[in-house]
C-alpha atoms as a PDB file:
ATOM      1  CA  MET A   1     -23.152 -29.439  12.630  1.00  0.00           C
ATOM      2  CA  GLU A   2     -20.977 -27.821  14.511  1.00  0.00           C
ATOM      3  CA  THR A   3     -17.932 -27.553  12.244  1.00  0.00           C
ATOM      4  CA  GLY A   4     -20.969 -25.649   9.949  1.00  0.00           C
ATOM      5  CA  ARG A   5     -21.830 -23.263  12.662  1.00  0.00           C
ATOM      6  CA  ARG A   6     -18.341 -22.097  13.712  1.00  0.00           C
ATOM      7  CA  ALA A   7     -18.037 -21.403   9.814  1.00  0.00           C
ATOM      8  CA  PHE A   8     -21.094 -19.383   9.178  1.00  0.00           C
ATOM      9  CA  LEU A   9     -19.671 -17.578  12.739  1.00  0.00           C
ATOM     10  CA  GLY A  10     -16.218 -16.755  11.374  1.00  0.00           C
ATOM     11  CA  THR A  11     -17.744 -15.227   8.049  1.00  0.00           C
ATOM     12  CA  LEU A  12     -20.116 -13.120   9.717  1.00  0.00           C
ATOM     13  CA  GLY A  13     -17.084 -11.960  11.417  1.00  0.00           C
ATOM     14  CA  ALA A  14     -15.510 -11.532   8.310  1.00  0.00           C
ATOM     15  CA  GLY A  15     -18.418  -9.325   7.091  1.00  0.00           C
ATOM     16  CA  LEU A  16     -18.761  -7.051  10.049  1.00  0.00           C
ATOM     17  CA  VAL A  17     -15.490  -6.269  10.220  1.00  0.00           C
ATOM     18  CA  GLY A  18     -14.614  -6.050   6.425  1.00  0.00           C
ATOM     19  CA  ALA A  19     -17.986  -3.058   6.468  1.00  0.00           C
ATOM     20  CA  ARG A  20     -16.316  -1.425   9.084  1.00  0.00           C
ATOM     21  CA  PHE A  21     -12.812  -1.614   7.513  1.00  0.00           C
ATOM     22  CA  ALA A  22     -14.418  -0.149   4.266  1.00  0.00           C
ATOM     23  CA  ARG A  23     -15.617   2.773   6.087  1.00  0.00           C
ATOM     24  CA  ALA A  24     -12.322   3.480   7.758  1.00  0.00           C
ATOM     25  CA  GLN A  25     -11.244   3.712   4.177  1.00  0.00           C
ATOM     26  CA  SER A  26     -13.478   5.597   2.869  1.00  0.00           C
ATOM     27  CA  GLY A  27     -11.779   9.075   3.780  1.00  0.00           C
ATOM     28  CA  ALA A  28     -10.214   9.652   0.587  1.00  0.00           C
ATOM     29  CA  GLY A  29      -8.907  13.495   0.147  1.00  0.00           C
ATOM     30  CA  ALA A  30      -9.323  13.936   3.873  1.00  0.00           C
ATOM     31  CA  PRO A  31      -6.356  16.471   5.417  1.00  0.00           C
ATOM     32  CA  GLN A  32      -2.753  14.489   5.552  1.00  0.00           C
ATOM     33  CA  PRO A  33      -1.913  14.151   9.258  1.00  0.00           C
ATOM     34  CA  LYS A  34       0.578  16.794  10.993  1.00  0.00           C
ATOM     35  CA  VAL A  35       3.809  15.173  11.386  1.00  0.00           C
ATOM     36  CA  ARG A  36       5.853  16.182  14.814  1.00  0.00           C
ATOM     37  CA  LYS A  37       8.564  15.978  16.919  1.00  0.00           C
ATOM     38  CA  ALA A  38       8.945  14.034  20.368  1.00  0.00           C
ATOM     39  CA  LYS A  39      11.284  15.233  23.018  1.00  0.00           C
ATOM     40  CA  THR A  40      12.120  12.109  25.714  1.00  0.00           C
ATOM     41  CA  ALA A  41      13.016  11.836  28.960  1.00  0.00           C
ATOM     42  CA  THR A  42      14.200   8.557  30.696  1.00  0.00           C
ATOM     43  CA  LEU A  43      12.538   8.579  34.196  1.00  0.00           C
ATOM     44  CA  PHE A  44      13.118   4.862  35.869  1.00  0.00           C
ATOM     45  CA  LYS A  45      13.921   1.222  35.405  1.00  0.00           C
ATOM     46  CA  SER A  46      11.024  -1.473  35.142  1.00  0.00           C
ATOM     47  CA  PRO A  47      11.213  -3.996  38.528  1.00  0.00           C
ATOM     48  CA  GLU A  48      13.282  -6.676  36.296  1.00  0.00           C
ATOM     49  CA  GLY A  49      14.381  -4.370  33.203  1.00  0.00           C
ATOM     50  CA  TYR A  50      12.248  -6.284  29.931  1.00  0.00           C
ATOM     51  CA  PRO A  51       9.078  -3.659  30.097  1.00  0.00           C
ATOM     52  CA  ASN A  52       7.377  -4.189  26.480  1.00  0.00           C
ATOM     53  CA  ALA A  53       4.216  -3.030  27.298  1.00  0.00           C
ATOM     54  CA  ILE A  54       3.013  -0.500  29.853  1.00  0.00           C
ATOM     55  CA  THR A  55      -0.707   0.872  30.878  1.00  0.00           C
ATOM     56  CA  ALA A  56      -1.880   3.755  33.542  1.00  0.00           C
ATOM     57  CA  THR A  57      -4.336   3.483  35.790  1.00  0.00           C
ATOM     58  CA  LYS A  58      -5.278   5.279  38.696  1.00  0.00           C
ATOM     59  CA  GLU A  59      -3.309   3.311  40.964  1.00  0.00           C
ATOM     60  CA  GLY A  60      -0.063   3.801  38.999  1.00  0.00           C
ATOM     61  CA  LEU A  61       1.896   1.986  36.315  1.00  0.00           C
ATOM     62  CA  TRP A  62       1.012  -1.172  35.032  1.00  0.00           C
ATOM     63  CA  ILE A  63       4.375  -2.791  33.280  1.00  0.00           C
ATOM     64  CA  GLY A  64       4.175  -6.013  31.616  1.00  0.00           C
ATOM     65  CA  GLU A  65       7.977  -7.580  31.407  1.00  0.00           C
ATOM     66  CA  GLN A  66       8.817  -9.621  28.744  1.00  0.00           C
ATOM     67  CA  LYS A  67      10.842 -12.390  29.877  1.00  0.00           C
ATOM     68  CA  SER A  68       8.847 -13.281  32.627  1.00  0.00           C
ATOM     69  CA  ASP A  69       5.572 -12.268  31.471  1.00  0.00           C
ATOM     70  CA  HIS A  70       4.539 -10.493  35.080  1.00  0.00           C
ATOM     71  CA  ALA A  71       2.231  -7.823  35.761  1.00  0.00           C
ATOM     72  CA  CYS A  72       4.031  -5.115  37.444  1.00  0.00           C
ATOM     73  CA  LEU A  73       2.162  -2.125  39.283  1.00  0.00           C
ATOM     74  CA  VAL A  74       4.339   0.672  40.088  1.00  0.00           C
ATOM     75  CA  ASP A  75       4.054   4.332  41.624  1.00  0.00           C
ATOM     76  CA  TRP A  76       4.963   7.167  39.433  1.00  0.00           C
ATOM     77  CA  ASN A  77       8.884   7.090  41.017  1.00  0.00           C
ATOM     78  CA  GLY A  78       9.212   3.449  40.080  1.00  0.00           C
ATOM     79  CA  LYS A  79       8.690   1.786  43.039  1.00  0.00           C
ATOM     80  CA  LEU A  80       7.004  -2.074  43.225  1.00  0.00           C
ATOM     81  CA  LEU A  81       3.249  -1.849  44.460  1.00  0.00           C
ATOM     82  CA  LYS A  82       2.147  -5.188  43.024  1.00  0.00           C
ATOM     83  CA  THR A  83       3.266  -8.010  40.797  1.00  0.00           C
ATOM     84  CA  VAL A  84       0.614 -10.607  39.251  1.00  0.00           C
ATOM     85  CA  THR A  85       1.641 -13.628  37.517  1.00  0.00           C
ATOM     86  CA  THR A  86       0.271 -14.052  33.926  1.00  0.00           C
ATOM     87  CA  GLU A  87       0.719 -17.191  31.964  1.00  0.00           C
ATOM     88  CA  ALA A  88       1.342 -15.164  28.638  1.00  0.00           C
ATOM     89  CA  LYS A  89       4.171 -16.050  26.638  1.00  0.00           C
ATOM     90  CA  ASN A  90       6.643 -12.984  25.341  1.00  0.00           C
ATOM     91  CA  THR A  91       4.326  -9.976  26.740  1.00  0.00           C
ATOM     92  CA  SER A  92       3.608  -7.873  24.005  1.00  0.00           C
ATOM     93  CA  GLY A  93       0.590  -5.530  25.242  1.00  0.00           C
ATOM     94  CA  MET A  94      -1.598  -5.409  27.965  1.00  0.00           C
ATOM     95  CA  GLY A  95      -4.495  -3.706  29.332  1.00  0.00           C
ATOM     96  CA  ILE A  96      -6.696  -3.243  32.367  1.00  0.00           C
ATOM     97  CA  GLY A  97     -10.046  -3.051  33.309  1.00  0.00           C
ATOM     98  CA  GLY A  98     -13.098  -4.824  34.196  1.00  0.00           C
ATOM     99  CA  GLY A  99     -11.462  -6.046  37.281  1.00  0.00           C
ATOM    100  CA  PHE A 100      -8.771  -7.948  35.256  1.00  0.00           C
ATOM    101  CA  ILE A 101      -5.125  -7.896  33.371  1.00  0.00           C
ATOM    102  CA  TRP A 102      -5.362  -8.367  29.676  1.00  0.00           C
ATOM    103  CA  MET A 103      -2.090  -9.873  28.397  1.00  0.00           C
ATOM    104  CA  GLY A 104      -1.180  -9.887  25.072  1.00  0.00           C
ATOM    105  CA  ALA A 105       0.945 -13.190  24.244  1.00  0.00           C
ATOM    106  CA  ASN A 106       3.316 -12.870  20.790  1.00  0.00           C
ATOM    107  CA  ALA A 107       4.623 -16.307  21.135  1.00  0.00           C
ATOM    108  CA  ALA A 108       2.886 -19.784  21.403  1.00  0.00           C
ATOM    109  CA  PRO A 109       0.075 -19.974  22.819  1.00  0.00           C
ATOM    110  CA  ASN A 110      -0.427 -16.404  21.285  1.00  0.00           C
ATOM    111  CA  GLY A 111      -3.526 -14.854  22.401  1.00  0.00           C
ATOM    112  CA  ILE A 112      -5.041 -12.630  25.049  1.00  0.00           C
ATOM    113  CA  PHE A 113      -4.776 -14.137  28.442  1.00  0.00           C
ATOM    114  CA  GLN A 114      -7.283 -12.770  31.079  1.00  0.00           C
ATOM    115  CA  THR A 115      -5.490 -12.577  34.887  1.00  0.00           C
ATOM    116  CA  ASP A 116      -7.226 -11.843  37.949  1.00  0.00           C
ATOM    117  CA  MET A 117      -5.408  -9.877  40.408  1.00  0.00           C
ATOM    118  CA  SER A 118      -4.751 -12.601  42.375  1.00  0.00           C
ATOM    119  CA  SER A 119      -2.679 -13.980  39.792  1.00  0.00           C
ATOM    120  CA  LYS A 120      -5.849 -16.760  38.180  1.00  0.00           C
ATOM    121  CA  THR A 121      -6.037 -17.403  34.774  1.00  0.00           C
ATOM    122  CA  VAL A 122      -9.540 -16.345  33.719  1.00  0.00           C
ATOM    123  CA  SER A 123      -9.565 -16.799  30.040  1.00  0.00           C
ATOM    124  CA  HIS A 124      -7.195 -17.419  27.316  1.00  0.00           C
ATOM    125  CA  ARG A 125      -8.772 -16.740  23.904  1.00  0.00           C
ATOM    126  CA  GLN A 126      -6.500 -16.324  20.024  1.00  0.00           C
ATOM    127  CA  ILE A 127      -7.436 -13.134  18.330  1.00  0.00           C
ATOM    128  CA  PRO A 128     -10.620 -13.193  16.427  1.00  0.00           C
ATOM    129  CA  LEU A 129     -10.276 -13.551  12.391  1.00  0.00           C
ATOM    130  CA  GLY A 130      -6.619 -15.721  12.379  1.00  0.00           C
ATOM    131  CA  GLY A 131      -4.897 -15.774  15.915  1.00  0.00           C
ATOM    132  CA  GLY A 132      -1.411 -14.765  15.562  1.00  0.00           C
ATOM    133  CA  GLY A 133       0.309 -12.343  17.938  1.00  0.00           C
ATOM    134  CA  CYS A 134       0.207  -8.843  18.883  1.00  0.00           C
ATOM    135  CA  HIS A 135       1.972  -6.563  20.084  1.00  0.00           C
ATOM    136  CA  GLY A 136      -0.424  -3.783  21.452  1.00  0.00           C
ATOM    137  CA  VAL A 137      -3.258  -3.840  24.107  1.00  0.00           C
ATOM    138  CA  GLU A 138      -5.857  -1.671  25.304  1.00  0.00           C
ATOM    139  CA  TYR A 139      -8.929  -1.578  27.473  1.00  0.00           C
ATOM    140  CA  VAL A 140     -12.108   1.070  27.184  1.00  0.00           C
ATOM    141  CA  ASP A 141     -15.497   0.761  28.223  1.00  0.00           C
ATOM    142  CA  GLY A 142     -15.690  -2.838  27.720  1.00  0.00           C
ATOM    143  CA  LYS A 143     -13.253  -3.235  24.516  1.00  0.00           C
ATOM    144  CA  LEU A 144     -10.083  -4.420  23.838  1.00  0.00           C
ATOM    145  CA  TRP A 145      -7.849  -2.848  20.855  1.00  0.00           C
ATOM    146  CA  ILE A 146      -5.885  -4.794  20.014  1.00  0.00           C
ATOM    147  CA  ALA A 147      -2.483  -4.447  17.600  1.00  0.00           C
ATOM    148  CA  ALA A 148      -2.791  -7.644  15.517  1.00  0.00           C
ATOM    149  CA  LEU A 149       0.109  -8.558  13.356  1.00  0.00           C
ATOM    150  CA  ARG A 150      -1.488 -11.200  11.081  1.00  0.00           C
ATOM    151  CA  LEU A 151      -4.350  -8.537  10.610  1.00  0.00           C
ATOM    152  CA  ARG A 152      -2.121  -5.841  10.072  1.00  0.00           C
ATOM    153  CA  GLY A 153      -4.545  -3.699  11.978  1.00  0.00           C
ATOM    154  CA  ILE A 154      -6.060  -2.479  15.350  1.00  0.00           C
ATOM    155  CA  LEU A 155      -8.798  -4.540  15.826  1.00  0.00           C
ATOM    156  CA  ARG A 156     -11.537  -3.547  18.485  1.00  0.00           C
ATOM    157  CA  VAL A 157     -13.024  -6.824  20.239  1.00  0.00           C
ATOM    158  CA  ASP A 158     -15.904  -7.100  22.668  1.00  0.00           C
ATOM    159  CA  ALA A 159     -14.154  -8.388  25.403  1.00  0.00           C
ATOM    160  CA  LYS A 160     -17.344 -10.301  26.845  1.00  0.00           C
ATOM    161  CA  THR A 161     -18.504 -11.630  23.867  1.00  0.00           C
ATOM    162  CA  TRP A 162     -15.093 -11.284  22.159  1.00  0.00           C
ATOM    163  CA  GLU A 163     -16.766 -10.666  18.830  1.00  0.00           C
ATOM    164  CA  PRO A 164     -14.672  -8.212  16.347  1.00  0.00           C
ATOM    165  CA  GLU A 165     -15.852  -4.850  15.666  1.00  0.00           C
ATOM    166  CA  PHE A 166     -13.620  -2.695  13.586  1.00  0.00           C
ATOM    167  CA  LEU A 167     -10.337  -2.598  12.170  1.00  0.00           C
ATOM    168  CA  ILE A 168      -8.144   0.168  11.483  1.00  0.00           C
ATOM    169  CA  PRO A 169      -5.168  -0.923   9.343  1.00  0.00           C
ATOM    170  CA  TYR A 170      -1.957   0.317   9.148  1.00  0.00           C
ATOM    171  CA  SER A 171       1.032   0.072   6.846  1.00  0.00           C
ATOM    172  CA  VAL A 172       4.129   0.405   8.850  1.00  0.00           C
ATOM    173  CA  PRO A 173       6.691  -2.137   8.791  1.00  0.00           C
ATOM    174  CA  ARG A 174       6.707  -2.383  12.985  1.00  0.00           C
ATOM    175  CA  ALA A 175       3.319  -1.884  14.822  1.00  0.00           C
ATOM    176  CA  HIS A 176       3.830  -2.016  18.755  1.00  0.00           C
ATOM    177  CA  GLY A 177       1.643  -0.618  21.834  1.00  0.00           C
ATOM    178  CA  VAL A 178      -1.520   1.267  21.937  1.00  0.00           C
ATOM    179  CA  ALA A 179      -2.960   4.036  24.079  1.00  0.00           C
ATOM    180  CA  TRP A 180      -6.423   5.440  24.276  1.00  0.00           C
ATOM    181  CA  ASP A 181      -6.503   9.149  23.910  1.00  0.00           C
ATOM    182  CA  ASN A 182     -10.343  10.643  24.516  1.00  0.00           C
ATOM    183  CA  GLY A 183     -12.002   9.034  21.203  1.00  0.00           C
ATOM    184  CA  ALA A 184      -8.481   8.427  19.077  1.00  0.00           C
ATOM    185  CA  ILE A 185      -5.869   5.635  19.392  1.00  0.00           C
ATOM    186  CA  TRP A 186      -2.117   6.004  18.990  1.00  0.00           C
ATOM    187  CA  MET A 187       0.191   3.508  18.437  1.00  0.00           C
ATOM    188  CA  VAL A 188       4.153   2.362  18.150  1.00  0.00           C
ATOM    189  CA  THR A 189       5.484   2.518  14.876  1.00  0.00           C
ATOM    190  CA  GLY A 190       9.227   1.792  13.202  1.00  0.00           C
ATOM    191  CA  ASP A 191      10.446   2.180   9.720  1.00  0.00           C
ATOM    192  CA  ASP A 192      13.767   2.223   7.735  1.00  0.00           C
ATOM    193  CA  GLN A 193      13.579   6.341   8.815  1.00  0.00           C
ATOM    194  CA  GLY A 194      13.015   5.500  13.247  1.00  0.00           C
ATOM    195  CA  ALA A 195      10.728   4.852  15.471  1.00  0.00           C
ATOM    196  CA  GLY A 196       7.196   6.865  15.725  1.00  0.00           C
ATOM    197  CA  LEU A 197       3.882   7.408  16.579  1.00  0.00           C
ATOM    198  CA  ILE A 198       0.664   7.799  14.677  1.00  0.00           C
ATOM    199  CA  LYS A 199      -2.650   8.676  16.305  1.00  0.00           C
ATOM    200  CA  TYR A 200      -6.002   7.476  14.367  1.00  0.00           C
ATOM    201  CA  ASP A 201      -9.843   8.396  15.155  1.00  0.00           C
ATOM    202  CA  ALA A 202     -10.872   5.914  16.681  1.00  0.00           C
ATOM    203  CA  GLU A 203     -14.443   6.389  14.867  1.00  0.00           C
ATOM    204  CA  THR A 204     -12.940   6.304  10.908  1.00  0.00           C
ATOM    205  CA  GLY A 205      -9.484   4.868  11.905  1.00  0.00           C
ATOM    206  CA  ARG A 206      -8.499   8.414   9.829  1.00  0.00           C
ATOM    207  CA  PRO A 207      -4.425   9.385  10.504  1.00  0.00           C
ATOM    208  CA  LEU A 208      -4.821  12.741  12.391  1.00  0.00           C
ATOM    209  CA  GLU A 209      -1.221  12.831  13.068  1.00  0.00           C
ATOM    210  CA  THR A 210       2.256  11.316  13.246  1.00  0.00           C
ATOM    211  CA  VAL A 211       5.221  11.638  15.284  1.00  0.00           C
ATOM    212  CA  ARG A 212       9.075  11.338  15.062  1.00  0.00           C
ATOM    213  CA  PHE A 213      11.688  10.216  17.393  1.00  0.00           C
ATOM    214  CA  ALA A 214      15.284  11.925  17.181  1.00  0.00           C
ATOM    215  CA  GLU A 215      18.382   9.051  16.802  1.00  0.00           C
ATOM    216  CA  GLY A 216      19.055   8.650  19.968  1.00  0.00           C
ATOM    217  CA  ASP A 217      15.800   8.747  21.670  1.00  0.00           C
ATOM    218  CA  PRO A 218      14.876   5.284  23.864  1.00  0.00           C
ATOM    219  CA  ASP A 219      13.484   2.693  21.520  1.00  0.00           C
ATOM    220  CA  PRO A 220       9.456   2.708  22.087  1.00  0.00           C
ATOM    221  CA  HIS A 221       7.605  -0.765  22.913  1.00  0.00           C
ATOM    222  CA  GLY A 222       4.617  -0.370  25.326  1.00  0.00           C
ATOM    223  CA  LEU A 223       2.358   2.779  25.172  1.00  0.00           C
ATOM    224  CA  ALA A 224       0.076   4.834  27.863  1.00  0.00           C
ATOM    225  CA  ILE A 225      -1.390   8.454  28.472  1.00  0.00           C
ATOM    226  CA  HIS A 226      -1.693   9.607  32.085  1.00  0.00           C
ATOM    227  CA  ASP A 227      -2.777  13.052  32.937  1.00  0.00           C
ATOM    228  CA  GLY A 228      -2.294  14.071  29.456  1.00  0.00           C
ATOM    229  CA  ALA A 229       1.143  13.064  29.175  1.00  0.00           C
ATOM    230  CA  LEU A 230       2.192   9.721  26.520  1.00  0.00           C
ATOM    231  CA  TYR A 231       4.429   7.217  28.105  1.00  0.00           C
ATOM    232  CA  SER A 232       6.613   4.239  26.933  1.00  0.00           C
ATOM    233  CA  CYS A 233       9.203   1.925  27.748  1.00  0.00           C
ATOM    234  CA  ASP A 234      12.690   0.627  26.207  1.00  0.00           C
ATOM    235  CA  ALA A 235      12.138  -3.425  26.071  1.00  0.00           C
ATOM    236  CA  GLY A 236      15.603  -4.190  25.721  1.00  0.00           C
ATOM    237  CA  ILE A 237      14.665  -6.680  23.138  1.00  0.00           C
ATOM    238  CA  HIS A 238      14.124  -5.474  19.413  1.00  0.00           C
ATOM    239  CA  PRO A 239      14.009  -7.710  16.755  1.00  0.00           C
ATOM    240  CA  GLY A 240      17.268  -8.114  14.955  1.00  0.00           C
ATOM    241  CA  TRP A 241      19.309  -6.332  17.201  1.00  0.00           C
ATOM    242  CA  PRO A 242      21.580  -7.670  19.604  1.00  0.00           C
ATOM    243  CA  GLU A 243      19.861  -7.809  23.303  1.00  0.00           C
ATOM    244  CA  ASN A 244      19.933  -4.476  25.161  1.00  0.00           C
ATOM    245  CA  LYS A 245      21.868  -2.421  22.176  1.00  0.00           C
ATOM    246  CA  SER A 246      19.502   0.270  23.199  1.00  0.00           C
ATOM    247  CA  PRO A 247      21.613   2.526  25.675  1.00  0.00           C
ATOM    248  CA  THR A 248      18.214   3.322  27.410  1.00  0.00           C
ATOM    249  CA  HIS A 249      17.294  -0.288  27.616  1.00  0.00           C
ATOM    250  CA  GLY A 250      15.039  -1.253  30.770  1.00  0.00           C
ATOM    251  CA  TYR A 251      13.638   2.446  31.142  1.00  0.00           C
ATOM    252  CA  ILE A 252      10.352   4.007  31.254  1.00  0.00           C
ATOM    253  CA  PHE A 253      10.228   7.436  29.832  1.00  0.00           C
ATOM    254  CA  ARG A 254       7.648  10.109  28.912  1.00  0.00           C
ATOM    255  CA  ILE A 255       6.933  11.703  25.388  1.00  0.00           C
ATOM    256  CA  ASP A 256       6.210  15.083  24.915  1.00  0.00           C
ATOM    257  CA  LEU A 257       4.944  16.561  21.804  1.00  0.00           C
ATOM    258  CA  LEU A 258       6.829  19.388  20.421  1.00  0.00           C
ATOM    259  CA  GLN A 259       4.683  22.494  18.271  1.00  0.00           C
ATOM    260  CA  GLY A 260       5.229  22.863  15.023  1.00  0.00           C
ATOM    261  CA  THR A 261       6.098  20.212  12.600  1.00  0.00           C
ATOM    262  CA  ALA A 262       9.161  17.576  11.851  1.00  0.00           C
END
């Protein structure tokens, strides 16, 4: 009986996301997204040198360290204010909200680790509709936006019920950090032309604009917004690259979007 119930709930969840997926794809003929260039400025190194996730709060910038899986709070000059230990593995994405840290694990046992500010694990749950790893997490008003690798999309999940609600599909070869921007969501991207960003309408899933980084810019991984500006981090670890190949490995950097098109 329990097996049948789980199967039913799984089918129901898949149907729900499928319906919202169709809505996200219904914008055929919509204007093509604007393509812009970015200017980057390195700011400071993360406390441990392997930042693979960031998120901004009123207290400062939270950094998810990829090797230790610590969540480190720093001020906007890089001064360490607090360190929280988590059970995530190969952290790739983090959100802060509801009094908790939500860390995305990109190595077994995968999933999302909910941790309180005293380093106690509250829950560990797999990404709905298939599990797998993730490369970005953002908490917004009781919802988690997860860049889910197996689904190849940004999945919105209710943080309490863990019900999947909406999927924004992506087609880029590399997807990473996500950040909320007043009804839209940015995601770090990458392809054979280099790194970039894409901005989606969070209600319809329609791409609004894309951003191209220059060849010598830092290698983006996490993503955050603070006072209207975008921030990212260079983890020093990139699949297929020698470790710390990037000259700005370990740094937090600001992203300024330039006017005009690329």
